[in-house]
Each structure stands twice: as C-alpha cells, then as structure tokens.
Amino acid sequence: MLQQRRTPEAEHTVSDYMQSSNDAFPSSQETLGHIVTDIIRAGETVSRKAICAKLLARLSDNQDPELEKQYHELIALLLGRE
C-alpha cells in the first residue's frame, strides 16, 4: 500500500493557506456569534432588537465597505427583508 509522507514544506503551505483565510474579515455566522456573545456577556437578553442595535453600532463605527455590506445584509436578514 502506498503511503504518503508529509513534508515540512507541504505542512507549511497548508498552514499558510489556513492563516491567510483567517486574516479576512469574519463570516456572517462569526459576526452574529460575536454579537450574541457580547450581548450575553453584558447580561442582556438576546433578541432581534438587541442584535440589530449592536449591528447598527458596528455599522456606524465601520470604515470597510465589505463589512458594511455584511452588516446591511445581516440587518435585512433579521428584519426579514432579503
């Protein structure tokens, strides 16, 4: 049976790829997860209103057009306006 050996070069390439994908802004799911975590840590009730308020706060502090688009999409999703 043929066995593949891992070379340090191949492992380095894979880890570089994984690291580069982590440098991008978070996915929509990750963003919602961070927001929900913030709400829970603040001792607040997680609700659509609370999540939208956090998204709007992040939107007003944001300078990145890609993140702005993501925040608008998440707000539309929460309000049922896809």
PDB file of N, CA and C in Angstrom:
ATOM      1  N   MET A   1       0.838  -1.173   0.000  1.00  0.00           N
ATOM      2  CA  MET A   1       0.000   0.000   0.000  1.00  0.00           C
ATOM      3  C   MET A   1       0.890   1.245   0.000  1.00  0.00           C
ATOM      4  N   LEU A   2       0.542   2.186  -0.825  1.00  0.00           N
ATOM      5  CA  LEU A   2       1.313   3.418  -0.958  1.00  0.00           C
ATOM      6  C   LEU A   2       0.985   4.355   0.199  1.00  0.00           C
ATOM      7  N   GLN A   3       1.996   4.831   0.877  1.00  0.00           N
ATOM      8  CA  GLN A   3       1.796   5.777   1.969  1.00  0.00           C
ATOM      9  C   GLN A   3       2.343   7.134   1.559  1.00  0.00           C
ATOM     10  N   GLN A   4       1.580   8.124   1.865  1.00  0.00           N
ATOM     11  CA  GLN A   4       2.040   9.478   1.571  1.00  0.00           C
ATOM     12  C   GLN A   4       2.766  10.016   2.783  1.00  0.00           C
ATOM     13  N   ARG A   5       3.871  10.630   2.543  1.00  0.00           N
ATOM     14  CA  ARG A   5       4.625  11.245   3.625  1.00  0.00           C
ATOM     15  C   ARG A   5       4.392  12.742   3.606  1.00  0.00           C
ATOM     16  N   ARG A   6       4.241  13.294   4.768  1.00  0.00           N
ATOM     17  CA  ARG A   6       4.079  14.741   4.875  1.00  0.00           C
ATOM     18  C   ARG A   6       5.450  15.384   4.947  1.00  0.00           C
ATOM     19  N   THR A   7       5.625  16.331   4.113  1.00  0.00           N
ATOM     20  CA  THR A   7       6.892  17.053   4.144  1.00  0.00           C
ATOM     21  C   THR A   7       6.684  18.363   4.898  1.00  0.00           C
ATOM     22  N   PRO A   8       7.720  18.880   5.521  1.00  0.00           N
ATOM     23  CA  PRO A   8       7.586  20.168   6.217  1.00  0.00           C
ATOM     24  C   PRO A   8       7.124  21.273   5.267  1.00  0.00           C
ATOM     25  N   GLU A   9       7.559  21.189   4.015  1.00  0.00           N
ATOM     26  CA  GLU A   9       7.162  22.195   3.036  1.00  0.00           C
ATOM     27  C   GLU A   9       5.653  22.153   2.788  1.00  0.00           C
ATOM     28  N   ALA A  10       5.097  20.976   2.654  1.00  0.00           N
ATOM     29  CA  ALA A  10       3.656  20.835   2.423  1.00  0.00           C
ATOM     30  C   ALA A  10       2.865  21.303   3.639  1.00  0.00           C
ATOM     31  N   GLU A  11       3.311  20.959   4.824  1.00  0.00           N
ATOM     32  CA  GLU A  11       2.624  21.397   6.033  1.00  0.00           C
ATOM     33  C   GLU A  11       2.681  22.912   6.168  1.00  0.00           C
ATOM     34  N   HIS A  12       3.817  23.500   5.790  1.00  0.00           N
ATOM     35  CA  HIS A  12       3.964  24.949   5.856  1.00  0.00           C
ATOM     36  C   HIS A  12       2.999  25.623   4.882  1.00  0.00           C
ATOM     37  N   THR A  13       2.844  25.064   3.700  1.00  0.00           N
ATOM     38  CA  THR A  13       1.943  25.618   2.696  1.00  0.00           C
ATOM     39  C   THR A  13       0.499  25.565   3.186  1.00  0.00           C
ATOM     40  N   VAL A  14       0.113  24.458   3.775  1.00  0.00           N
ATOM     41  CA  VAL A  14      -1.246  24.320   4.291  1.00  0.00           C
ATOM     42  C   VAL A  14      -1.482  25.313   5.428  1.00  0.00           C
ATOM     43  N   SER A  15      -0.538  25.434   6.342  1.00  0.00           N
ATOM     44  CA  SER A  15      -0.722  26.361   7.453  1.00  0.00           C
ATOM     45  C   SER A  15      -0.756  27.811   6.971  1.00  0.00           C
ATOM     46  N   ASP A  16       0.029  28.142   5.936  1.00  0.00           N
ATOM     47  CA  ASP A  16      -0.017  29.488   5.358  1.00  0.00           C
ATOM     48  C   ASP A  16      -1.389  29.774   4.762  1.00  0.00           C
ATOM     49  N   TYR A  17      -1.946  28.780   4.068  1.00  0.00           N
ATOM     50  CA  TYR A  17      -3.266  28.952   3.473  1.00  0.00           C
ATOM     51  C   TYR A  17      -4.323  29.171   4.549  1.00  0.00           C
ATOM     52  N   MET A  18      -4.266  28.355   5.597  1.00  0.00           N
ATOM     53  CA  MET A  18      -5.243  28.476   6.670  1.00  0.00           C
ATOM     54  C   MET A  18      -5.112  29.831   7.366  1.00  0.00           C
ATOM     55  N   GLN A  19      -3.907  30.282   7.572  1.00  0.00           N
ATOM     56  CA  GLN A  19      -3.680  31.572   8.221  1.00  0.00           C
ATOM     57  C   GLN A  19      -4.187  32.717   7.356  1.00  0.00           C
ATOM     58  N   SER A  20      -3.962  32.643   6.051  1.00  0.00           N
ATOM     59  CA  SER A  20      -4.398  33.721   5.167  1.00  0.00           C
ATOM     60  C   SER A  20      -5.915  33.811   5.122  1.00  0.00           C
ATOM     61  N   SER A  21      -6.607  32.683   5.207  1.00  0.00           N
ATOM     62  CA  SER A  21      -8.065  32.720   5.193  1.00  0.00           C
ATOM     63  C   SER A  21      -8.596  33.280   6.505  1.00  0.00           C
ATOM     64  N   ASN A  22      -7.827  33.153   7.590  1.00  0.00           N
ATOM     65  CA  ASN A  22      -8.246  33.700   8.869  1.00  0.00           C
ATOM     66  C   ASN A  22      -8.013  35.201   8.951  1.00  0.00           C
ATOM     67  N   ASP A  23      -7.182  35.761   8.069  1.00  0.00           N
ATOM     68  CA  ASP A  23      -6.895  37.181   8.091  1.00  0.00           C
ATOM     69  C   ASP A  23      -8.041  38.004   7.510  1.00  0.00           C
ATOM     70  N   ALA A  24      -8.896  37.396   6.714  1.00  0.00           N
ATOM     71  CA  ALA A  24     -10.027  38.098   6.125  1.00  0.00           C
ATOM     72  C   ALA A  24     -11.039  38.429   7.218  1.00  0.00           C
ATOM     73  N   PHE A  25     -11.984  39.292   6.900  1.00  0.00           N
ATOM     74  CA  PHE A  25     -12.982  39.626   7.907  1.00  0.00           C
ATOM     75  C   PHE A  25     -13.858  38.411   8.189  1.00  0.00           C
ATOM     76  N   PRO A  26     -14.511  38.395   9.341  1.00  0.00           N
ATOM     77  CA  PRO A  26     -15.272  37.209   9.742  1.00  0.00           C
ATOM     78  C   PRO A  26     -16.486  36.965   8.850  1.00  0.00           C
ATOM     79  N   SER A  27     -16.911  35.709   8.820  1.00  0.00           N
ATOM     80  CA  SER A  27     -18.115  35.359   8.069  1.00  0.00           C
ATOM     81  C   SER A  27     -19.339  35.930   8.789  1.00  0.00           C
ATOM     82  N   SER A  28     -20.469  35.879   8.127  1.00  0.00           N
ATOM     83  CA  SER A  28     -21.709  36.369   8.739  1.00  0.00           C
ATOM     84  C   SER A  28     -22.039  35.610  10.014  1.00  0.00           C
ATOM     85  N   GLN A  29     -21.819  34.300   9.979  1.00  0.00           N
ATOM     86  CA  GLN A  29     -22.095  33.489  11.155  1.00  0.00           C
ATOM     87  C   GLN A  29     -21.173  33.867  12.314  1.00  0.00           C
ATOM     88  N   GLU A  30     -19.898  34.111  12.004  1.00  0.00           N
ATOM     89  CA  GLU A  30     -18.953  34.511  13.044  1.00  0.00           C
ATOM     90  C   GLU A  30     -19.321  35.875  13.613  1.00  0.00           C
ATOM     91  N   THR A  31     -19.724  36.784  12.748  1.00  0.00           N
ATOM     92  CA  THR A  31     -20.125  38.109  13.205  1.00  0.00           C
ATOM     93  C   THR A  31     -21.322  38.019  14.141  1.00  0.00           C
ATOM     94  N   LEU A  32     -22.339  37.249  13.757  1.00  0.00           N
ATOM     95  CA  LEU A  32     -23.500  37.072  14.623  1.00  0.00           C
ATOM     96  C   LEU A  32     -23.105  36.407  15.944  1.00  0.00           C
ATOM     97  N   GLY A  33     -22.203  35.447  15.870  1.00  0.00           N
ATOM     98  CA  GLY A  33     -21.731  34.787  17.079  1.00  0.00           C
ATOM     99  C   GLY A  33     -21.054  35.749  18.031  1.00  0.00           C
ATOM    100  N   HIS A  34     -20.217  36.641  17.488  1.00  0.00           N
ATOM    101  CA  HIS A  34     -19.538  37.643  18.323  1.00  0.00           C
ATOM    102  C   HIS A  34     -20.545  38.599  18.953  1.00  0.00           C
ATOM    103  N   ILE A  35     -21.527  38.986  18.178  1.00  0.00           N
ATOM    104  CA  ILE A  35     -22.541  39.917  18.686  1.00  0.00           C
ATOM    105  C   ILE A  35     -23.362  39.270  19.789  1.00  0.00           C
ATOM    106  N   VAL A  36     -23.796  38.041  19.571  1.00  0.00           N
ATOM    107  CA  VAL A  36     -24.574  37.332  20.594  1.00  0.00           C
ATOM    108  C   VAL A  36     -23.739  37.144  21.855  1.00  0.00           C
ATOM    109  N   THR A  37     -22.471  36.807  21.692  1.00  0.00           N
ATOM    110  CA  THR A  37     -21.581  36.657  22.843  1.00  0.00           C
ATOM    111  C   THR A  37     -21.467  37.974  23.612  1.00  0.00           C
ATOM    112  N   ASP A  38     -21.318  39.089  22.893  1.00  0.00           N
ATOM    113  CA  ASP A  38     -21.241  40.399  23.545  1.00  0.00           C
ATOM    114  C   ASP A  38     -22.512  40.701  24.335  1.00  0.00           C
ATOM    115  N   ILE A  39     -23.650  40.382  23.747  1.00  0.00           N
ATOM    116  CA  ILE A  39     -24.936  40.635  24.408  1.00  0.00           C
ATOM    117  C   ILE A  39     -25.047  39.804  25.682  1.00  0.00           C
ATOM    118  N   ILE A  40     -24.699  38.525  25.588  1.00  0.00           N
ATOM    119  CA  ILE A  40     -24.780  37.642  26.755  1.00  0.00           C
ATOM    120  C   ILE A  40     -23.828  38.095  27.852  1.00  0.00           C
ATOM    121  N   ARG A  41     -22.598  38.442  27.483  1.00  0.00           N
ATOM    122  CA  ARG A  41     -21.622  38.898  28.479  1.00  0.00           C
ATOM    123  C   ARG A  41     -22.053  40.190  29.165  1.00  0.00           C
ATOM    124  N   ALA A  42     -22.825  41.006  28.439  1.00  0.00           N
ATOM    125  CA  ALA A  42     -23.320  42.253  29.026  1.00  0.00           C
ATOM    126  C   ALA A  42     -24.530  42.008  29.924  1.00  0.00           C
ATOM    127  N   GLY A  43     -24.981  40.748  29.991  1.00  0.00           N
ATOM    128  CA  GLY A  43     -26.114  40.403  30.846  1.00  0.00           C
ATOM    129  C   GLY A  43     -27.454  40.796  30.255  1.00  0.00           C
ATOM    130  N   GLU A  44     -27.471  41.056  28.964  1.00  0.00           N
ATOM    131  CA  GLU A  44     -28.706  41.448  28.293  1.00  0.00           C
ATOM    132  C   GLU A  44     -29.398  40.222  27.698  1.00  0.00           C
ATOM    133  N   THR A  45     -30.663  40.396  27.364  1.00  0.00           N
ATOM    134  CA  THR A  45     -31.420  39.345  26.702  1.00  0.00           C
ATOM    135  C   THR A  45     -31.121  39.383  25.211  1.00  0.00           C
ATOM    136  N   VAL A  46     -30.863  38.213  24.655  1.00  0.00           N
ATOM    137  CA  VAL A  46     -30.606  38.131  23.217  1.00  0.00           C
ATOM    138  C   VAL A  46     -31.946  38.199  22.490  1.00  0.00           C
ATOM    139  N   SER A  47     -32.092  39.218  21.678  1.00  0.00           N
ATOM    140  CA  SER A  47     -33.320  39.397  20.911  1.00  0.00           C
ATOM    141  C   SER A  47     -32.962  39.994  19.551  1.00  0.00           C
ATOM    142  N   ARG A  48     -33.924  39.983  18.676  1.00  0.00           N
ATOM    143  CA  ARG A  48     -33.702  40.580  17.362  1.00  0.00           C
ATOM    144  C   ARG A  48     -33.351  42.059  17.505  1.00  0.00           C
ATOM    145  N   LYS A  49     -34.043  42.729  18.411  1.00  0.00           N
ATOM    146  CA  LYS A  49     -33.802  44.157  18.644  1.00  0.00           C
ATOM    147  C   LYS A  49     -32.378  44.398  19.157  1.00  0.00           C
ATOM    148  N   ALA A  50     -31.924  43.580  20.104  1.00  0.00           N
ATOM    149  CA  ALA A  50     -30.577  43.739  20.662  1.00  0.00           C
ATOM    150  C   ALA A  50     -29.497  43.476  19.606  1.00  0.00           C
ATOM    151  N   ILE A  51     -29.718  42.447  18.786  1.00  0.00           N
ATOM    152  CA  ILE A  51     -28.743  42.126  17.732  1.00  0.00           C
ATOM    153  C   ILE A  51     -28.698  43.251  16.702  1.00  0.00           C
ATOM    154  N   CYS A  52     -29.866  43.768  16.305  1.00  0.00           N
ATOM    155  CA  CYS A  52     -29.897  44.869  15.336  1.00  0.00           C
ATOM    156  C   CYS A  52     -29.225  46.112  15.902  1.00  0.00           C
ATOM    157  N   ALA A  53     -29.431  46.388  17.182  1.00  0.00           N
ATOM    158  CA  ALA A  53     -28.799  47.552  17.807  1.00  0.00           C
ATOM    159  C   ALA A  53     -27.279  47.427  17.772  1.00  0.00           C
ATOM    160  N   LYS A  54     -26.764  46.232  18.069  1.00  0.00           N
ATOM    161  CA  LYS A  54     -25.313  46.009  18.008  1.00  0.00           C
ATOM    162  C   LYS A  54     -24.799  46.138  16.578  1.00  0.00           C
ATOM    163  N   LEU A  55     -25.549  45.596  15.614  1.00  0.00           N
ATOM    164  CA  LEU A  55     -25.141  45.709  14.213  1.00  0.00           C
ATOM    165  C   LEU A  55     -25.116  47.170  13.770  1.00  0.00           C
ATOM    166  N   LEU A  56     -26.108  47.935  14.179  1.00  0.00           N
ATOM    167  CA  LEU A  56     -26.138  49.351  13.817  1.00  0.00           C
ATOM    168  C   LEU A  56     -24.977  50.111  14.448  1.00  0.00           C
ATOM    169  N   ALA A  57     -24.630  49.757  15.682  1.00  0.00           N
ATOM    170  CA  ALA A  57     -23.488  50.396  16.344  1.00  0.00           C
ATOM    171  C   ALA A  57     -22.198  50.070  15.594  1.00  0.00           C
ATOM    172  N   ARG A  58     -22.043  48.821  15.202  1.00  0.00           N
ATOM    173  CA  ARG A  58     -20.848  48.430  14.435  1.00  0.00           C
ATOM    174  C   ARG A  58     -20.834  49.110  13.068  1.00  0.00           C
ATOM    175  N   LEU A  59     -21.995  49.250  12.483  1.00  0.00           N
ATOM    176  CA  LEU A  59     -22.096  49.892  11.175  1.00  0.00           C
ATOM    177  C   LEU A  59     -21.653  51.349  11.243  1.00  0.00           C
ATOM    178  N   SER A  60     -22.028  52.036  12.303  1.00  0.00           N
ATOM    179  CA  SER A  60     -21.659  53.450  12.422  1.00  0.00           C
ATOM    180  C   SER A  60     -20.166  53.638  12.687  1.00  0.00           C
ATOM    181  N   ASP A  61     -19.509  52.635  13.282  1.00  0.00           N
ATOM    182  CA  ASP A  61     -18.076  52.712  13.578  1.00  0.00           C
ATOM    183  C   ASP A  61     -17.206  52.147  12.467  1.00  0.00           C
ATOM    184  N   ASN A  62     -17.819  51.610  11.445  1.00  0.00           N
ATOM    185  CA  ASN A  62     -17.099  50.861  10.408  1.00  0.00           C
ATOM    186  C   ASN A  62     -16.608  51.764   9.276  1.00  0.00           C
ATOM    187  N   GLN A  63     -15.450  51.412   8.710  1.00  0.00           N
ATOM    188  CA  GLN A  63     -14.904  52.121   7.553  1.00  0.00           C
ATOM    189  C   GLN A  63     -14.731  51.196   6.343  1.00  0.00           C
ATOM    190  N   ASP A  64     -14.878  49.887   6.550  1.00  0.00           N
ATOM    191  CA  ASP A  64     -14.650  48.900   5.492  1.00  0.00           C
ATOM    192  C   ASP A  64     -15.942  48.653   4.706  1.00  0.00           C
ATOM    193  N   PRO A  65     -15.937  48.890   3.389  1.00  0.00           N
ATOM    194  CA  PRO A  65     -17.150  48.684   2.582  1.00  0.00           C
ATOM    195  C   PRO A  65     -17.650  47.241   2.583  1.00  0.00           C
ATOM    196  N   GLU A  66     -16.735  46.277   2.659  1.00  0.00           N
ATOM    197  CA  GLU A  66     -17.152  44.868   2.677  1.00  0.00           C
ATOM    198  C   GLU A  66     -17.894  44.536   3.976  1.00  0.00           C
ATOM    199  N   LEU A  67     -17.369  45.027   5.096  1.00  0.00           N
ATOM    200  CA  LEU A  67     -18.054  44.799   6.370  1.00  0.00           C
ATOM    201  C   LEU A  67     -19.383  45.547   6.407  1.00  0.00           C
ATOM    202  N   GLU A  68     -19.407  46.732   5.847  1.00  0.00           N
ATOM    203  CA  GLU A  68     -20.654  47.499   5.797  1.00  0.00           C
ATOM    204  C   GLU A  68     -21.721  46.712   5.044  1.00  0.00           C
ATOM    205  N   LYS A  69     -21.333  46.125   3.934  1.00  0.00           N
ATOM    206  CA  LYS A  69     -22.265  45.303   3.149  1.00  0.00           C
ATOM    207  C   LYS A  69     -22.757  44.118   3.980  1.00  0.00           C
ATOM    208  N   GLN A  70     -21.821  43.471   4.680  1.00  0.00           N
ATOM    209  CA  GLN A  70     -22.195  42.325   5.509  1.00  0.00           C
ATOM    210  C   GLN A  70     -23.177  42.737   6.605  1.00  0.00           C
ATOM    211  N   TYR A  71     -22.925  43.866   7.269  1.00  0.00           N
ATOM    212  CA  TYR A  71     -23.827  44.340   8.321  1.00  0.00           C
ATOM    213  C   TYR A  71     -25.209  44.645   7.762  1.00  0.00           C
ATOM    214  N   HIS A  72     -25.271  45.289   6.594  1.00  0.00           N
ATOM    215  CA  HIS A  72     -26.564  45.571   5.972  1.00  0.00           C
ATOM    216  C   HIS A  72     -27.312  44.284   5.636  1.00  0.00           C
ATOM    217  N   GLU A  73     -26.593  43.288   5.138  1.00  0.00           N
ATOM    218  CA  GLU A  73     -27.224  42.002   4.806  1.00  0.00           C
ATOM    219  C   GLU A  73     -27.757  41.313   6.067  1.00  0.00           C
ATOM    220  N   LEU A  74     -26.996  41.379   7.154  1.00  0.00           N
ATOM    221  CA  LEU A  74     -27.442  40.753   8.393  1.00  0.00           C
ATOM    222  C   LEU A  74     -28.668  41.464   8.964  1.00  0.00           C
ATOM    223  N   ILE A  75     -28.683  42.785   8.892  1.00  0.00           N
ATOM    224  CA  ILE A  75     -29.844  43.537   9.369  1.00  0.00           C
ATOM    225  C   ILE A  75     -31.064  43.179   8.531  1.00  0.00           C
ATOM    226  N   ALA A  76     -30.896  43.110   7.221  1.00  0.00           N
ATOM    227  CA  ALA A  76     -32.011  42.731   6.341  1.00  0.00           C
ATOM    228  C   ALA A  76     -32.500  41.321   6.659  1.00  0.00           C
ATOM    229  N   LEU A  77     -31.577  40.424   6.933  1.00  0.00           N
ATOM    230  CA  LEU A  77     -31.943  39.055   7.281  1.00  0.00           C
ATOM    231  C   LEU A  77     -32.756  39.021   8.575  1.00  0.00           C
ATOM    232  N   LEU A  78     -32.311  39.771   9.575  1.00  0.00           N
ATOM    233  CA  LEU A  78     -33.014  39.800  10.854  1.00  0.00           C
ATOM    234  C   LEU A  78     -34.397  40.431  10.747  1.00  0.00           C
ATOM    235  N   LEU A  79     -34.528  41.391   9.843  1.00  0.00           N
ATOM    236  CA  LEU A  79     -35.814  42.073   9.677  1.00  0.00           C
ATOM    237  C   LEU A  79     -36.692  41.415   8.624  1.00  0.00           C
ATOM    238  N   GLY A  80     -36.191  40.335   8.023  1.00  0.00           N
ATOM    239  CA  GLY A  80     -36.969  39.604   7.027  1.00  0.00           C
ATOM    240  C   GLY A  80     -37.080  40.323   5.706  1.00  0.00           C
ATOM    241  N   ARG A  81     -36.044  41.096   5.353  1.00  0.00           N
ATOM    242  CA  ARG A  81     -36.067  41.871   4.105  1.00  0.00           C
ATOM    243  C   ARG A  81     -34.911  41.466   3.212  1.00  0.00           C
ATOM    244  N   GLU A  82     -34.871  40.232   2.833  1.00  0.00           N
ATOM    245  CA  GLU A  82     -33.761  39.737   2.000  1.00  0.00           C
ATOM    246  C   GLU A  82     -33.878  40.199   0.582  1.00  0.00           C
TER     247      GLU A  82
END
